[in-house]
Structure formats: structure tokens, C-alpha cells
Protein backbone atom coordinates (compact mmCIF):
# COMPACT_ATOMS: atom_id res chain seq x y z
CA MET A 1 5.81 -2.21 -18.11
CA ILE A 2 7.79 1.61 -17.77
CA SER A 3 9.44 2.77 -15.14
CA TYR A 4 11.80 5.30 -13.63
CA TYR A 5 14.59 3.27 -15.13
CA ASN A 6 13.31 3.84 -18.69
CA THR A 7 14.55 7.40 -20.68
CA ARG A 8 12.58 10.59 -21.67
CA GLU A 9 12.40 9.14 -24.98
CA GLU A 10 11.13 5.72 -24.29
CA ILE A 11 8.23 6.76 -22.25
CA GLU A 12 7.19 9.05 -24.75
CA HIS A 13 6.96 6.56 -27.83
CA SER A 14 5.95 3.89 -25.09
CA GLY A 15 2.54 5.07 -25.88
CA VAL A 16 1.21 4.54 -22.12
CA ASP A 17 -1.02 6.50 -21.10
CA THR A 18 -1.64 4.94 -17.01
CA ALA A 19 0.13 5.72 -14.49
CA ILE A 20 1.46 4.56 -10.63
CA ILE A 21 1.97 5.89 -7.63
CA THR A 22 2.76 4.41 -4.59
CA PHE A 23 2.69 5.39 -1.13
CA GLY A 24 4.35 3.10 1.78
CA SER A 25 5.21 4.05 5.22
CA ILE A 26 8.19 4.06 7.22
CA GLU A 27 7.25 2.62 10.71
CA GLN A 28 7.48 0.39 13.63
CA HIS A 29 6.48 -3.46 12.93
CA GLY A 30 7.20 -4.91 16.23
CA PRO A 31 9.99 -7.23 16.81
CA HIS A 32 10.59 -9.23 13.94
CA LEU A 33 9.74 -6.86 10.75
CA PRO A 34 11.80 -4.24 9.77
CA ILE A 35 10.65 0.02 9.86
CA GLY A 36 10.93 0.10 5.78
CA THR A 37 8.21 -3.32 5.46
CA ASP A 38 5.79 -1.21 3.67
CA PHE A 39 7.96 0.71 1.90
CA PHE A 40 9.31 -2.69 0.11
CA GLN A 41 6.01 -4.02 -0.37
CA ALA A 42 5.05 -0.81 -1.82
CA ASN A 43 7.70 -1.41 -4.91
CA ALA A 44 6.77 -5.22 -5.10
CA PHE A 45 3.39 -4.54 -5.73
CA ALA A 46 3.40 -1.55 -7.92
CA GLU A 47 6.01 -3.61 -10.31
CA ALA A 48 3.61 -6.37 -10.35
CA ILE A 49 0.42 -4.06 -11.03
CA GLY A 50 2.16 -2.38 -13.09
CA GLU A 51 3.14 -5.52 -15.44
CA LYS A 52 -0.53 -6.14 -16.14
CA LEU A 53 -1.63 -2.77 -16.27
CA ASN A 54 1.25 -1.85 -19.11
CA ALA A 55 1.70 1.18 -16.44
CA LEU A 56 4.86 3.80 -15.57
CA VAL A 57 5.83 2.58 -12.33
CA PHE A 58 7.44 5.20 -10.33
CA PRO A 59 9.36 4.34 -6.69
CA ALA A 60 7.46 4.00 -3.86
CA ILE A 61 7.01 7.38 -1.76
CA PRO A 62 8.58 5.52 1.60
CA PHE A 63 6.62 8.32 3.21
CA SER A 64 2.87 9.48 4.49
CA ASN A 65 0.65 9.22 7.25
CA CYS A 66 1.73 6.98 10.27
CA TYR A 67 0.00 9.38 13.53
CA GLU A 68 -0.68 5.55 15.09
CA HIS A 69 2.53 4.41 15.47
CA LYS A 70 3.95 7.43 17.03
CA GLY A 71 6.02 7.39 20.39
CA SER A 72 8.57 4.18 18.71
CA LYS A 73 11.82 4.89 17.15
CA GLY A 74 12.46 4.87 13.66
CA THR A 75 9.19 5.52 12.97
CA LEU A 76 8.51 8.68 10.75
CA GLY A 77 5.62 10.23 8.67
CA PHE A 78 3.83 13.34 7.14
CA ARG A 79 0.80 15.41 8.73
CA PRO A 80 -2.39 14.42 6.46
CA GLN A 81 -3.16 17.64 4.87
CA THR A 82 1.13 16.82 3.40
CA THR A 83 0.36 13.72 2.22
CA MET A 84 -2.71 15.33 0.23
CA ALA A 85 -1.26 18.11 -0.91
CA MET A 86 1.92 15.64 -2.63
CA THR A 87 -0.96 13.34 -4.15
CA GLN A 88 -2.54 16.13 -6.09
CA ASP A 89 1.07 18.07 -6.98
CA LEU A 90 2.09 14.98 -8.50
CA VAL A 91 -1.36 13.96 -10.18
CA LEU A 92 -1.59 17.05 -11.47
CA GLY A 93 2.41 17.37 -12.63
CA LEU A 94 1.61 13.85 -14.31
CA HIS A 95 -1.75 15.15 -15.83
CA SER A 96 0.21 17.60 -17.65
CA GLN A 97 2.26 15.69 -19.57
CA GLY A 98 -0.47 13.28 -20.99
CA PHE A 99 -1.15 11.06 -18.21
CA ARG A 100 -4.94 10.71 -18.10
CA LYS A 101 -5.36 7.53 -16.03
CA ILE A 102 -3.47 7.75 -12.50
CA VAL A 103 -3.47 4.99 -9.54
CA ILE A 104 -2.19 5.42 -6.47
CA LEU A 105 -1.36 2.63 -4.43
CA LEU A 106 -1.88 3.01 -0.31
CA VAL A 107 0.72 0.07 0.91
CA HIS A 108 0.32 1.31 4.51
CA GLY A 109 -3.59 1.52 6.31
CA GLY A 110 -3.49 4.48 7.74
CA ILE A 111 -3.71 6.74 4.62
CA PHE A 112 -6.45 8.14 5.23
CA SER A 113 -6.22 11.69 3.84
CA VAL A 114 -5.38 10.43 -0.06
CA PRO A 115 -9.44 9.49 -0.73
CA PRO A 116 -10.30 12.78 -0.62
CA ALA A 117 -7.45 14.43 -2.15
CA VAL A 118 -8.19 11.39 -5.15
CA ARG A 119 -12.31 13.02 -5.12
CA GLU A 120 -11.27 16.23 -5.63
CA LEU A 121 -9.03 15.34 -8.78
CA ASN A 122 -11.46 13.39 -10.57
CA ALA A 123 -14.52 15.98 -9.44
CA LEU A 124 -12.92 19.10 -10.41
CA THR A 125 -9.97 18.18 -13.24
CA ASP A 126 -11.05 17.18 -17.08
CA ASP A 127 -9.68 14.47 -18.94
CA LEU A 128 -8.71 12.56 -15.96
CA GLN A 129 -9.63 9.25 -14.08
CA VAL A 130 -7.82 8.77 -10.67
CA VAL A 131 -8.04 5.94 -8.96
CA CYS A 132 -6.85 4.86 -5.24
CA VAL A 133 -6.91 1.42 -4.06
CA ILE A 134 -5.40 -0.38 -0.95
CA PRO A 135 -3.59 -3.75 -2.92
CA HIS A 136 -4.68 -5.58 0.75
CA LEU A 137 -7.86 -6.76 -0.45
CA PRO A 138 -9.92 -9.65 0.49
CA THR A 139 -9.53 -12.57 -1.68
CA LYS A 140 -11.19 -16.27 -1.90
CA LYS A 141 -7.85 -17.54 -2.85
CA GLU A 142 -6.95 -16.54 0.56
CA GLU A 143 -9.81 -18.70 2.43
CA GLY A 144 -8.61 -21.28 4.13
CA VAL A 145 -4.91 -19.94 3.84
CA LEU A 146 -4.96 -16.93 6.41
CA GLU A 147 -5.86 -18.52 9.87
CA THR A 148 -5.96 -14.74 11.74
CA PRO A 149 -8.41 -12.64 8.84
CA ASN A 150 -8.89 -9.99 12.42
CA GLU A 151 -5.12 -8.50 11.97
CA ILE A 152 -4.51 -5.41 10.96
CA HIS A 153 -0.36 -4.96 11.34
CA ALA A 154 2.50 -7.33 11.84
CA GLY A 155 0.84 -10.69 11.32
CA GLU A 156 0.11 -13.21 10.18
CA HIS A 157 -0.23 -12.00 6.50
CA GLU A 158 1.82 -9.24 6.19
CA THR A 159 4.98 -11.37 7.71
CA SER A 160 4.01 -14.03 5.64
CA VAL A 161 4.19 -11.42 2.46
CA MET A 162 7.53 -10.53 3.83
CA MET A 163 9.04 -14.05 4.01
CA TYR A 164 7.98 -14.47 0.78
CA LEU A 165 9.51 -11.41 -1.13
CA TYR A 166 12.35 -10.17 1.13
CA PRO A 167 12.97 -13.86 3.49
CA ASP A 168 16.55 -12.39 3.98
CA THR A 169 14.70 -9.12 6.31
CA VAL A 170 12.29 -11.05 8.80
CA LYS A 171 13.71 -12.28 12.03
CA THR A 172 11.86 -15.40 11.90
CA GLU A 173 13.30 -16.25 15.37
CA LYS A 174 11.00 -13.72 17.22
CA MET A 175 7.70 -14.49 14.99
CA LYS A 176 6.78 -17.26 17.69
CA ASP A 177 6.64 -14.51 21.06
CA ALA A 178 5.63 -11.72 18.89
CA ASP A 179 1.44 -12.64 18.78
CA CYS A 180 -0.64 -9.92 20.14
CA MET A 181 -4.54 -9.96 19.61
CA PRO A 182 -5.53 -6.72 21.46
CA ASP A 183 -9.92 -6.61 22.85
CA TYR A 184 -10.27 -3.68 20.16
CA PRO A 185 -11.49 -2.86 17.27
CA GLN A 186 -9.42 -0.98 14.93
CA PRO A 187 -11.19 2.02 15.04
CA PHE A 188 -9.88 2.21 18.55
CA LEU A 189 -6.33 3.54 16.91
CA ASN A 190 -8.25 6.84 16.53
CA PHE A 191 -8.44 7.19 19.87
CA ALA A 192 -4.73 5.77 21.06
CA PRO A 193 -1.47 5.03 19.33
CA ILE A 194 -1.06 1.50 18.66
CA LEU A 195 1.51 0.46 20.95
CA ASP A 196 -0.48 1.61 24.45
CA LEU A 197 -3.26 -1.53 23.04
CA CYS A 198 -0.38 -3.79 21.10
CA PRO A 199 2.60 -3.47 23.79
CA ASN A 200 4.89 -5.14 21.54
CA GLY A 201 3.58 -3.02 17.89
CA VAL A 202 1.85 -6.57 16.43
CA TRP A 203 -1.74 -6.51 15.74
CA GLY A 204 -2.08 -9.91 14.51
CA LYS A 205 -0.59 -13.78 15.14
CA PRO A 206 3.29 -13.49 13.43
CA SER A 207 3.72 -17.01 14.97
CA LEU A 208 1.13 -18.41 12.31
CA ALA A 209 3.25 -16.72 8.82
CA SER A 210 4.68 -18.85 6.27
CA GLN A 211 6.72 -18.10 2.78
CA GLU A 212 3.84 -20.35 1.06
CA LYS A 213 1.35 -18.24 2.45
CA GLY A 214 3.18 -15.27 1.41
CA LYS A 215 3.17 -16.42 -2.02
CA VAL A 216 -0.97 -17.56 -2.11
CA PHE A 217 -1.66 -13.34 -0.32
CA PHE A 218 0.71 -11.71 -2.96
CA GLU A 219 -0.25 -13.14 -6.49
CA ALA A 220 -4.14 -13.10 -5.23
CA GLN A 221 -4.01 -9.67 -3.73
CA VAL A 222 -1.97 -8.43 -7.05
CA GLU A 223 -4.91 -10.20 -9.13
CA ALA A 224 -7.76 -8.64 -7.07
CA THR A 225 -6.04 -5.21 -6.82
CA VAL A 226 -5.82 -5.49 -10.55
CA ASP A 227 -9.33 -6.64 -11.18
CA TYR A 228 -10.50 -3.74 -8.82
CA ILE A 229 -8.66 -0.73 -10.56
CA LYS A 230 -9.93 -2.35 -14.34
CA LYS A 231 -13.91 -1.95 -12.59
CA ALA A 232 -13.04 1.69 -11.35
CA PHE A 233 -11.80 3.02 -14.12
CA LYS A 234 -14.57 1.99 -16.25
CA ILE A 235 -17.14 4.11 -13.58
CA CYS A 236 -14.17 6.31 -12.74
CA LYS A 237 -15.51 9.78 -15.51
CA LYS A 238 -12.94 11.70 -17.45
CA GLU A 239 -15.39 15.16 -17.13
CA ALA A 240 -14.59 16.96 -14.05
CA TRP A 241 -17.80 16.51 -11.99
């Protein structure tokens, strides 16, 4: 893996033609997780995936789209059109430097403006392959370990991963009473902010989280994400559509 710790000459002589851009988010994560949860995980996922792909890994971008968390202090994000423009500017900048494969990791579930930007880049740009993916993919290795598969935010899964990667950031004493599973489907976040559906900002059961589960989840999802990326590059056209 090559990263922002390397020099220009080291990058030029590495022969690496794949780069990873990662979006996190700064948003509320209930009473037990820091607002930087998605950003912390974004860097961890990017580095682990970059190692397996032999890619140039940039520091995660902490901000993205998070309208669903409006109304919570400390939550900060861009408008969708800003994130879309940023994605295209960064990818085209890398393309002009000779990078031909770009991976965009979306380590926050509410970034809906990046996939259309990626489709446009692939459709209109020659000699470029761009793949975007959310690393939180369901995997076989999680079966029998994850007890709340329908959760979406700050629950068992996300809390477990943070307990594994950054244990000092988790307020474990507040996990027990933080469970919230609203009687609504996820698309209702298009109609109202999460605090209207889950008053404490949690959509899941952090009380079930553990460091051991976090290790299983993180390693399984890195593996699944790498497989997804490799498969996507096989079908991603190199010519403009």
C-alpha cells in the first residue's frame, strides 16, 4: 500500500495505478459513540482494503451527506450536489495524473449523490474505471454472530466495530440503555430525520455489541469489499460509454 505518508517520488516509482478515495461522515451516533465514528472507520477500512489491493490510499474525507441527522449538535455535512462535484473533481484529478482505477469507499449509508457521479464518470471518460462501494456488506461470516440484521445506525454492528478498532472511544456504560428499533422501514428517513424516529439517535441494539463481534464484522467486510471491488473492475468498461 502507498499512502499520504509517501513522497511524490515514491508514488511515481511505485507503479501503482489504483487509488482509493473514502468518504466518512461527522454525525451523531447516539449517547455511546463519538460523532467521528464514520470518519474513524473510514480510515481503518481504507487502509485495510488498500493493503489488499496495493492501492494509493488518501486520508478519509470526514464530511459527506447527512441530512437525516439534522437537528443534532456536532453533525456537519455537505449538500448532495457538493459531494457529487467533489467526487468528480477528485477522480478527474487522479485520472490526469495517470491513475486509471479509482475506488470510492462510502463509509456512511446516506451518501446517495456519489453513485450518480460515478456512473457519469464511467460513461463520459475514456481510460478510466471507477467503482464505489459501501464496506458494510452482509457476509456469510456474520451469520450466527450478528443478532440484529435490520439495524442501520449506531447499533450492535457499528458499536462492535468501534469496540474492536477504537475501544477507548466507546462509552460502554451507556450501551445497555441505548437500544432503539423503531417500527418504520429505513426509507422513512427520506421523510423525517432520524431523531424523529429514534429520539436517542440509535437505530439498533448496541447492548448486544462486543469487541469479539467487531473483529469478525470488520475482517469479514474487508474481505467481502475487496472481492466486490475486484469483481466490479472486471466488468467496468475502460472506454467512455
